[in-house]
Full PDB file with SEQRES, HELIX, SHEET, SSBOND, CRYST1, ORIGX, SCALE, CONECT and MASTER records, all heavy atoms in Angstrom:
SEQRES   1 A   34  ILE GLN SER GLY ASN PRO TYR GLY ALA PHE ASN ALA GLU          
SEQRES   2 A   34  GLN ALA ALA ARG VAL ALA ARG ALA ALA ALA ASP ALA LEU          
SEQRES   3 A   34  GLY VAL ASP PRO VAL LEU ASP ASP                              
HELIX    1 AA1 ALA A   12  LEU A   26  1                                  15    
CRYST1    1.000    1.000    1.000  90.00  90.00  90.00 P 1           1          
ORIGX1      1.000000  0.000000  0.000000        0.00000                         
ORIGX2      0.000000  1.000000  0.000000        0.00000                         
ORIGX3      0.000000  0.000000  1.000000        0.00000                         
SCALE1      1.000000  0.000000  0.000000        0.00000                         
SCALE2      0.000000  1.000000  0.000000        0.00000                         
SCALE3      0.000000  0.000000  1.000000        0.00000                         
ATOM      1  N   ILE A   1       9.156  18.128  13.840  1.00  0.00           N  
ATOM      2  CA  ILE A   1       8.196  17.030  13.633  1.00  0.00           C  
ATOM      3  C   ILE A   1       6.972  17.324  14.496  1.00  0.00           C  
ATOM      4  O   ILE A   1       6.989  17.132  15.713  1.00  0.00           O  
ATOM      5  CB  ILE A   1       8.836  15.677  13.985  1.00  0.00           C  
ATOM      6  CG1 ILE A   1      10.082  15.437  13.135  1.00  0.00           C  
ATOM      7  CG2 ILE A   1       7.831  14.538  13.801  1.00  0.00           C  
ATOM      8  CD1 ILE A   1      10.936  14.263  13.611  1.00  0.00           C  
ATOM      9  N   GLN A   2       5.875  17.791  13.869  1.00  0.00           N  
ATOM     10  CA  GLN A   2       4.666  18.178  14.575  1.00  0.00           C  
ATOM     11  C   GLN A   2       3.611  17.093  14.441  1.00  0.00           C  
ATOM     12  O   GLN A   2       3.079  16.855  13.348  1.00  0.00           O  
ATOM     13  CB  GLN A   2       4.090  19.490  14.003  1.00  0.00           C  
ATOM     14  CG  GLN A   2       4.939  20.706  14.217  1.00  0.00           C  
ATOM     15  CD  GLN A   2       4.351  21.947  13.573  1.00  0.00           C  
ATOM     16  OE1 GLN A   2       5.076  22.779  13.036  1.00  0.00           O  
ATOM     17  NE2 GLN A   2       3.027  22.087  13.631  1.00  0.00           N  
ATOM     18  N   SER A   3       3.297  16.430  15.531  1.00  0.00           N  
ATOM     19  CA  SER A   3       2.192  15.469  15.552  1.00  0.00           C  
ATOM     20  C   SER A   3       2.308  14.427  14.448  1.00  0.00           C  
ATOM     21  O   SER A   3       1.365  14.208  13.685  1.00  0.00           O  
ATOM     22  CB  SER A   3       0.845  16.196  15.442  1.00  0.00           C  
ATOM     23  OG  SER A   3       0.649  17.061  16.529  1.00  0.00           O  
ATOM     24  N   GLY A   4       3.471  13.803  14.382  1.00  0.00           N  
ATOM     25  CA  GLY A   4       3.681  12.707  13.435  1.00  0.00           C  
ATOM     26  C   GLY A   4       4.047  11.443  14.177  1.00  0.00           C  
ATOM     27  O   GLY A   4       4.122  11.405  15.407  1.00  0.00           O  
ATOM     28  N   ASN A   5       4.300  10.386  13.420  1.00  0.00           N  
ATOM     29  CA  ASN A   5       4.759   9.129  14.011  1.00  0.00           C  
ATOM     30  C   ASN A   5       5.949   8.631  13.212  1.00  0.00           C  
ATOM     31  O   ASN A   5       5.773   8.076  12.113  1.00  0.00           O  
ATOM     32  CB  ASN A   5       3.649   8.088  14.008  1.00  0.00           C  
ATOM     33  CG  ASN A   5       4.086   6.800  14.706  1.00  0.00           C  
ATOM     34  OD1 ASN A   5       5.228   6.655  15.132  1.00  0.00           O  
ATOM     35  ND2 ASN A   5       3.168   5.860  14.825  1.00  0.00           N  
ATOM     36  N   PRO A   6       7.170   8.826  13.724  1.00  0.00           N  
ATOM     37  CA  PRO A   6       8.345   8.355  12.979  1.00  0.00           C  
ATOM     38  C   PRO A   6       8.354   6.855  12.756  1.00  0.00           C  
ATOM     39  O   PRO A   6       9.112   6.370  11.921  1.00  0.00           O  
ATOM     40  CB  PRO A   6       9.508   8.802  13.865  1.00  0.00           C  
ATOM     41  CG  PRO A   6       8.974   9.963  14.652  1.00  0.00           C  
ATOM     42  CD  PRO A   6       7.541   9.615  14.907  1.00  0.00           C  
ATOM     43  N   TYR A   7       7.530   6.118  13.502  1.00  0.00           N  
ATOM     44  CA  TYR A   7       7.446   4.662  13.349  1.00  0.00           C  
ATOM     45  C   TYR A   7       6.135   4.266  12.671  1.00  0.00           C  
ATOM     46  O   TYR A   7       5.688   3.130  12.812  1.00  0.00           O  
ATOM     47  CB  TYR A   7       7.565   3.996  14.726  1.00  0.00           C  
ATOM     48  CG  TYR A   7       8.856   4.312  15.438  1.00  0.00           C  
ATOM     49  CD1 TYR A   7       8.941   5.416  16.278  1.00  0.00           C  
ATOM     50  CD2 TYR A   7       9.990   3.527  15.252  1.00  0.00           C  
ATOM     51  CE1 TYR A   7      10.129   5.730  16.920  1.00  0.00           C  
ATOM     52  CE2 TYR A   7      11.173   3.842  15.892  1.00  0.00           C  
ATOM     53  CZ  TYR A   7      11.243   4.945  16.726  1.00  0.00           C  
ATOM     54  OH  TYR A   7      12.436   5.243  17.361  1.00  0.00           O  
ATOM     55  N   GLY A   8       5.544   5.169  11.917  1.00  0.00           N  
ATOM     56  CA  GLY A   8       4.238   4.931  11.337  1.00  0.00           C  
ATOM     57  C   GLY A   8       4.217   4.270   9.980  1.00  0.00           C  
ATOM     58  O   GLY A   8       3.166   4.243   9.333  1.00  0.00           O  
ATOM     59  N   ALA A   9       5.335   3.723   9.539  1.00  0.00           N  
ATOM     60  CA  ALA A   9       5.363   3.087   8.217  1.00  0.00           C  
ATOM     61  C   ALA A   9       4.715   1.713   8.250  1.00  0.00           C  
ATOM     62  O   ALA A   9       4.737   1.012   9.270  1.00  0.00           O  
ATOM     63  CB  ALA A   9       6.814   2.956   7.738  1.00  0.00           C  
ATOM     64  N   PHE A  10       4.133   1.314   7.128  1.00  0.00           N  
ATOM     65  CA  PHE A  10       3.659  -0.058   6.947  1.00  0.00           C  
ATOM     66  C   PHE A  10       4.852  -0.963   6.639  1.00  0.00           C  
ATOM     67  O   PHE A  10       5.826  -0.513   6.033  1.00  0.00           O  
ATOM     68  CB  PHE A  10       2.673  -0.152   5.774  1.00  0.00           C  
ATOM     69  CG  PHE A  10       1.387   0.591   5.982  1.00  0.00           C  
ATOM     70  CD1 PHE A  10       0.669   1.053   4.886  1.00  0.00           C  
ATOM     71  CD2 PHE A  10       0.867   0.830   7.244  1.00  0.00           C  
ATOM     72  CE1 PHE A  10      -0.522   1.725   5.041  1.00  0.00           C  
ATOM     73  CE2 PHE A  10      -0.316   1.518   7.421  1.00  0.00           C  
ATOM     74  CZ  PHE A  10      -1.012   1.970   6.311  1.00  0.00           C  
ATOM     75  N   ASN A  11       4.748  -2.220   7.008  1.00  0.00           N  
ATOM     76  CA  ASN A  11       5.757  -3.172   6.525  1.00  0.00           C  
ATOM     77  C   ASN A  11       5.325  -3.726   5.176  1.00  0.00           C  
ATOM     78  O   ASN A  11       4.247  -3.393   4.671  1.00  0.00           O  
ATOM     79  CB  ASN A  11       6.013  -4.268   7.559  1.00  0.00           C  
ATOM     80  CG  ASN A  11       4.829  -5.185   7.801  1.00  0.00           C  
ATOM     81  OD1 ASN A  11       3.885  -5.236   6.996  1.00  0.00           O  
ATOM     82  ND2 ASN A  11       4.867  -5.935   8.887  1.00  0.00           N  
ATOM     83  N   ALA A  12       6.154  -4.557   4.587  1.00  0.00           N  
ATOM     84  CA  ALA A  12       5.888  -5.020   3.225  1.00  0.00           C  
ATOM     85  C   ALA A  12       4.582  -5.815   3.146  1.00  0.00           C  
ATOM     86  O   ALA A  12       3.844  -5.694   2.146  1.00  0.00           O  
ATOM     87  CB  ALA A  12       7.069  -5.883   2.748  1.00  0.00           C  
ATOM     88  N   GLU A  13       4.275  -6.606   4.169  1.00  0.00           N  
ATOM     89  CA  GLU A  13       3.045  -7.391   4.149  1.00  0.00           C  
ATOM     90  C   GLU A  13       1.817  -6.487   4.185  1.00  0.00           C  
ATOM     91  O   GLU A  13       0.851  -6.713   3.456  1.00  0.00           O  
ATOM     92  CB  GLU A  13       3.029  -8.369   5.327  1.00  0.00           C  
ATOM     93  CG  GLU A  13       1.785  -9.256   5.364  1.00  0.00           C  
ATOM     94  CD  GLU A  13       1.797 -10.215   6.545  1.00  0.00           C  
ATOM     95  OE1 GLU A  13       2.798 -10.278   7.279  1.00  0.00           O  
ATOM     96  OE2 GLU A  13       0.762 -10.903   6.738  1.00  0.00           O  
ATOM     97  N   GLN A  14       1.861  -5.483   5.029  1.00  0.00           N  
ATOM     98  CA  GLN A  14       0.725  -4.549   5.107  1.00  0.00           C  
ATOM     99  C   GLN A  14       0.574  -3.765   3.815  1.00  0.00           C  
ATOM    100  O   GLN A  14      -0.548  -3.602   3.305  1.00  0.00           O  
ATOM    101  CB  GLN A  14       0.935  -3.605   6.293  1.00  0.00           C  
ATOM    102  CG  GLN A  14       0.847  -4.299   7.639  1.00  0.00           C  
ATOM    103  CD  GLN A  14       1.311  -3.408   8.778  1.00  0.00           C  
ATOM    104  OE1 GLN A  14       2.308  -2.690   8.657  1.00  0.00           O  
ATOM    105  NE2 GLN A  14       0.608  -3.460   9.908  1.00  0.00           N  
ATOM    106  N   ALA A  15       1.690  -3.293   3.266  1.00  0.00           N  
ATOM    107  CA  ALA A  15       1.635  -2.540   2.018  1.00  0.00           C  
ATOM    108  C   ALA A  15       1.117  -3.398   0.867  1.00  0.00           C  
ATOM    109  O   ALA A  15       0.343  -2.920   0.008  1.00  0.00           O  
ATOM    110  CB  ALA A  15       3.028  -2.003   1.682  1.00  0.00           C  
ATOM    111  N   ALA A  16       1.510  -4.682   0.839  1.00  0.00           N  
ATOM    112  CA  ALA A  16       1.036  -5.585  -0.216  1.00  0.00           C  
ATOM    113  C   ALA A  16      -0.470  -5.802  -0.102  1.00  0.00           C  
ATOM    114  O   ALA A  16      -1.166  -5.951  -1.118  1.00  0.00           O  
ATOM    115  CB  ALA A  16       1.768  -6.910  -0.126  1.00  0.00           C  
ATOM    116  N   ARG A  17      -0.980  -5.807   1.118  1.00  0.00           N  
ATOM    117  CA  ARG A  17      -2.424  -5.988   1.309  1.00  0.00           C  
ATOM    118  C   ARG A  17      -3.198  -4.795   0.734  1.00  0.00           C  
ATOM    119  O   ARG A  17      -4.242  -4.970   0.094  1.00  0.00           O  
ATOM    120  CB  ARG A  17      -2.702  -6.142   2.809  1.00  0.00           C  
ATOM    121  CG  ARG A  17      -4.060  -6.756   3.115  1.00  0.00           C  
ATOM    122  CD  ARG A  17      -4.204  -7.034   4.599  1.00  0.00           C  
ATOM    123  NE  ARG A  17      -3.234  -8.032   5.077  1.00  0.00           N  
ATOM    124  CZ  ARG A  17      -3.150  -8.422   6.331  1.00  0.00           C  
ATOM    125  NH1 ARG A  17      -3.942  -7.908   7.256  1.00  0.00           N  
ATOM    126  NH2 ARG A  17      -2.253  -9.333   6.681  1.00  0.00           N  
ATOM    127  N   VAL A  18      -2.682  -3.598   0.941  1.00  0.00           N  
ATOM    128  CA  VAL A  18      -3.329  -2.412   0.365  1.00  0.00           C  
ATOM    129  C   VAL A  18      -3.227  -2.428  -1.143  1.00  0.00           C  
ATOM    130  O   VAL A  18      -4.205  -2.150  -1.866  1.00  0.00           O  
ATOM    131  CB  VAL A  18      -2.699  -1.122   0.934  1.00  0.00           C  
ATOM    132  CG1 VAL A  18      -3.360   0.102   0.311  1.00  0.00           C  
ATOM    133  CG2 VAL A  18      -2.814  -1.076   2.458  1.00  0.00           C  
ATOM    134  N   ALA A  19      -2.053  -2.790  -1.673  1.00  0.00           N  
ATOM    135  CA  ALA A  19      -1.854  -2.824  -3.128  1.00  0.00           C  
ATOM    136  C   ALA A  19      -2.777  -3.834  -3.782  1.00  0.00           C  
ATOM    137  O   ALA A  19      -3.352  -3.581  -4.853  1.00  0.00           O  
ATOM    138  CB  ALA A  19      -0.403  -3.129  -3.451  1.00  0.00           C  
ATOM    139  N   ARG A  20      -2.928  -4.980  -3.139  1.00  0.00           N  
ATOM    140  CA  ARG A  20      -3.803  -6.020  -3.690  1.00  0.00           C  
ATOM    141  C   ARG A  20      -5.257  -5.554  -3.710  1.00  0.00           C  
ATOM    142  O   ARG A  20      -5.972  -5.760  -4.698  1.00  0.00           O  
ATOM    143  CB  ARG A  20      -3.675  -7.283  -2.838  1.00  0.00           C  
ATOM    144  CG  ARG A  20      -4.519  -8.482  -3.291  1.00  0.00           C  
ATOM    145  CD  ARG A  20      -3.947  -9.130  -4.531  1.00  0.00           C  
ATOM    146  NE  ARG A  20      -4.581  -8.651  -5.754  1.00  0.00           N  
ATOM    147  CZ  ARG A  20      -4.166  -8.929  -6.974  1.00  0.00           C  
ATOM    148  NH1 ARG A  20      -3.088  -9.660  -7.150  1.00  0.00           N  
ATOM    149  NH2 ARG A  20      -4.790  -8.457  -8.040  1.00  0.00           N  
ATOM    150  N   ALA A  21      -5.686  -4.875  -2.628  1.00  0.00           N  
ATOM    151  CA  ALA A  21      -7.062  -4.385  -2.573  1.00  0.00           C  
ATOM    152  C   ALA A  21      -7.292  -3.307  -3.629  1.00  0.00           C  
ATOM    153  O   ALA A  21      -8.350  -3.286  -4.279  1.00  0.00           O  
ATOM    154  CB  ALA A  21      -7.347  -3.815  -1.181  1.00  0.00           C  
ATOM    155  N   ALA A  22      -6.311  -2.427  -3.846  1.00  0.00           N  
ATOM    156  CA  ALA A  22      -6.451  -1.397  -4.872  1.00  0.00           C  
ATOM    157  C   ALA A  22      -6.498  -2.026  -6.262  1.00  0.00           C  
ATOM    158  O   ALA A  22      -7.321  -1.622  -7.117  1.00  0.00           O  
ATOM    159  CB  ALA A  22      -5.290  -0.402  -4.775  1.00  0.00           C  
ATOM    160  N   ALA A  23      -5.635  -2.995  -6.513  1.00  0.00           N  
ATOM    161  CA  ALA A  23      -5.623  -3.657  -7.818  1.00  0.00           C  
ATOM    162  C   ALA A  23      -6.935  -4.385  -8.073  1.00  0.00           C  
ATOM    163  O   ALA A  23      -7.484  -4.326  -9.185  1.00  0.00           O  
ATOM    164  CB  ALA A  23      -4.443  -4.626  -7.897  1.00  0.00           C  
ATOM    165  N   ASP A  24      -7.454  -5.056  -7.053  1.00  0.00           N  
ATOM    166  CA  ASP A  24      -8.720  -5.769  -7.210  1.00  0.00           C  
ATOM    167  C   ASP A  24      -9.862  -4.794  -7.510  1.00  0.00           C  
ATOM    168  O   ASP A  24     -10.723  -5.063  -8.354  1.00  0.00           O  
ATOM    169  CB  ASP A  24      -9.048  -6.566  -5.939  1.00  0.00           C  
ATOM    170  CG  ASP A  24      -8.134  -7.785  -5.785  1.00  0.00           C  
ATOM    171  OD1 ASP A  24      -7.448  -8.156  -6.743  1.00  0.00           O  
ATOM    172  OD2 ASP A  24      -8.112  -8.355  -4.668  1.00  0.00           O  
ATOM    173  N   ALA A  25      -9.851  -3.644  -6.841  1.00  0.00           N  
ATOM    174  CA  ALA A  25     -10.894  -2.655  -7.065  1.00  0.00           C  
ATOM    175  C   ALA A  25     -10.832  -2.087  -8.487  1.00  0.00           C  
ATOM    176  O   ALA A  25     -11.868  -1.715  -9.063  1.00  0.00           O  
ATOM    177  CB  ALA A  25     -10.795  -1.528  -6.053  1.00  0.00           C  
ATOM    178  N   LEU A  26      -9.616  -2.058  -9.034  1.00  0.00           N  
ATOM    179  CA  LEU A  26      -9.431  -1.528 -10.397  1.00  0.00           C  
ATOM    180  C   LEU A  26      -9.528  -2.607 -11.465  1.00  0.00           C  
ATOM    181  O   LEU A  26      -9.592  -2.291 -12.661  1.00  0.00           O  
ATOM    182  CB  LEU A  26      -8.067  -0.842 -10.506  1.00  0.00           C  
ATOM    183  CG  LEU A  26      -7.900   0.455  -9.706  1.00  0.00           C  
ATOM    184  CD1 LEU A  26      -6.424   0.835  -9.638  1.00  0.00           C  
ATOM    185  CD2 LEU A  26      -8.711   1.570 -10.325  1.00  0.00           C  
ATOM    186  N   GLY A  27      -9.456  -3.860 -11.062  1.00  0.00           N  
ATOM    187  CA  GLY A  27      -9.472  -4.946 -12.020  1.00  0.00           C  
ATOM    188  C   GLY A  27      -8.162  -5.110 -12.758  1.00  0.00           C  
ATOM    189  O   GLY A  27      -8.144  -5.487 -13.948  1.00  0.00           O  
ATOM    190  N   VAL A  28      -7.028  -4.804 -12.080  1.00  0.00           N  
ATOM    191  CA  VAL A  28      -5.700  -4.924 -12.694  1.00  0.00           C  
ATOM    192  C   VAL A  28      -4.801  -5.699 -11.743  1.00  0.00           C  
ATOM    193  O   VAL A  28      -5.196  -6.048 -10.631  1.00  0.00           O  
ATOM    194  CB  VAL A  28      -5.089  -3.530 -12.980  1.00  0.00           C  
ATOM    195  CG1 VAL A  28      -5.963  -2.752 -13.946  1.00  0.00           C  
ATOM    196  CG2 VAL A  28      -4.890  -2.743 -11.680  1.00  0.00           C  
ATOM    197  N   ASP A  29      -3.563  -5.956 -12.176  1.00  0.00           N  
ATOM    198  CA  ASP A  29      -2.562  -6.537 -11.297  1.00  0.00           C  
ATOM    199  C   ASP A  29      -1.789  -5.411 -10.601  1.00  0.00           C  
ATOM    200  O   ASP A  29      -1.653  -4.324 -11.176  1.00  0.00           O  
ATOM    201  CB  ASP A  29      -1.584  -7.408 -12.099  1.00  0.00           C  
ATOM    202  CG  ASP A  29      -2.224  -8.719 -12.541  1.00  0.00           C  
ATOM    203  OD1 ASP A  29      -3.098  -9.216 -11.798  1.00  0.00           O  
ATOM    204  OD2 ASP A  29      -1.861  -9.233 -13.620  1.00  0.00           O  
ATOM    205  N   PRO A  30      -1.261  -5.654  -9.397  1.00  0.00           N  
ATOM    206  CA  PRO A  30      -0.549  -4.597  -8.668  1.00  0.00           C  
ATOM    207  C   PRO A  30       0.877  -4.403  -9.186  1.00  0.00           C  
ATOM    208  O   PRO A  30       1.856  -4.584  -8.469  1.00  0.00           O  
ATOM    209  CB  PRO A  30      -0.564  -5.109  -7.228  1.00  0.00           C  
ATOM    210  CG  PRO A  30      -0.609  -6.585  -7.355  1.00  0.00           C  
ATOM    211  CD  PRO A  30      -1.417  -6.884  -8.593  1.00  0.00           C  
ATOM    212  N   VAL A  31       0.991  -4.027 -10.457  1.00  0.00           N  
ATOM    213  CA  VAL A  31       2.278  -3.802 -11.097  1.00  0.00           C  
ATOM    214  C   VAL A  31       2.260  -2.461 -11.820  1.00  0.00           C  
ATOM    215  O   VAL A  31       1.198  -1.957 -12.183  1.00  0.00           O  
ATOM    216  CB  VAL A  31       2.629  -4.939 -12.071  1.00  0.00           C  
ATOM    217  CG1 VAL A  31       2.754  -6.270 -11.344  1.00  0.00           C  
ATOM    218  CG2 VAL A  31       1.597  -5.027 -13.184  1.00  0.00           C  
ATOM    219  N   LEU A  32       3.429  -1.901 -12.023  1.00  0.00           N  
ATOM    220  CA  LEU A  32       3.535  -0.571 -12.595  1.00  0.00           C  
ATOM    221  C   LEU A  32       2.848  -0.459 -13.945  1.00  0.00           C  
ATOM    222  O   LEU A  32       2.093   0.502 -14.201  1.00  0.00           O  
ATOM    223  CB  LEU A  32       5.022  -0.194 -12.724  1.00  0.00           C  
ATOM    224  CG  LEU A  32       5.355   1.087 -13.515  1.00  0.00           C  
ATOM    225  CD1 LEU A  32       4.657   2.281 -12.911  1.00  0.00           C  
ATOM    226  CD2 LEU A  32       6.878   1.302 -13.553  1.00  0.00           C  
ATOM    227  N   ASP A  33       3.075  -1.396 -14.833  1.00  0.00           N  
ATOM    228  CA  ASP A  33       2.523  -1.268 -16.188  1.00  0.00           C  
ATOM    229  C   ASP A  33       1.005  -1.208 -16.162  1.00  0.00           C  
ATOM    230  O   ASP A  33       0.385  -0.470 -16.964  1.00  0.00           O  
ATOM    231  CB  ASP A  33       2.981  -2.435 -17.054  1.00  0.00           C  
ATOM    232  CG  ASP A  33       4.455  -2.332 -17.447  1.00  0.00           C  
ATOM    233  OD1 ASP A  33       4.998  -1.202 -17.356  1.00  0.00           O  
ATOM    234  OD2 ASP A  33       5.060  -3.342 -17.817  1.00  0.00           O  
ATOM    235  N   ASP A  34       0.366  -1.970 -15.271  1.00  0.00           N  
ATOM    236  CA  ASP A  34      -1.096  -1.954 -15.208  1.00  0.00           C  
ATOM    237  C   ASP A  34      -1.598  -0.638 -14.628  1.00  0.00           C  
ATOM    238  O   ASP A  34      -2.564  -0.036 -15.140  1.00  0.00           O  
ATOM    239  CB  ASP A  34      -1.603  -3.123 -14.376  1.00  0.00           C  
ATOM    240  CG  ASP A  34      -1.609  -4.429 -15.163  1.00  0.00           C  
ATOM    241  OD1 ASP A  34      -0.935  -4.480 -16.206  1.00  0.00           O  
ATOM    242  OD2 ASP A  34      -2.281  -5.385 -14.739  1.00  0.00           O  
TER     243      ASP A  34                                                      
MASTER        0    0    0    1    0    0    0    6  242    1    0    3          
END                                                                             
């Protein structure tokens, strides 16, 4: 493990915030089909 962070994962709330921002930028819902 070279220069990584084993604790560097987002939690569900943080990940949902990114997904919502991406969906808004695309004009879709944050779901697989869209």
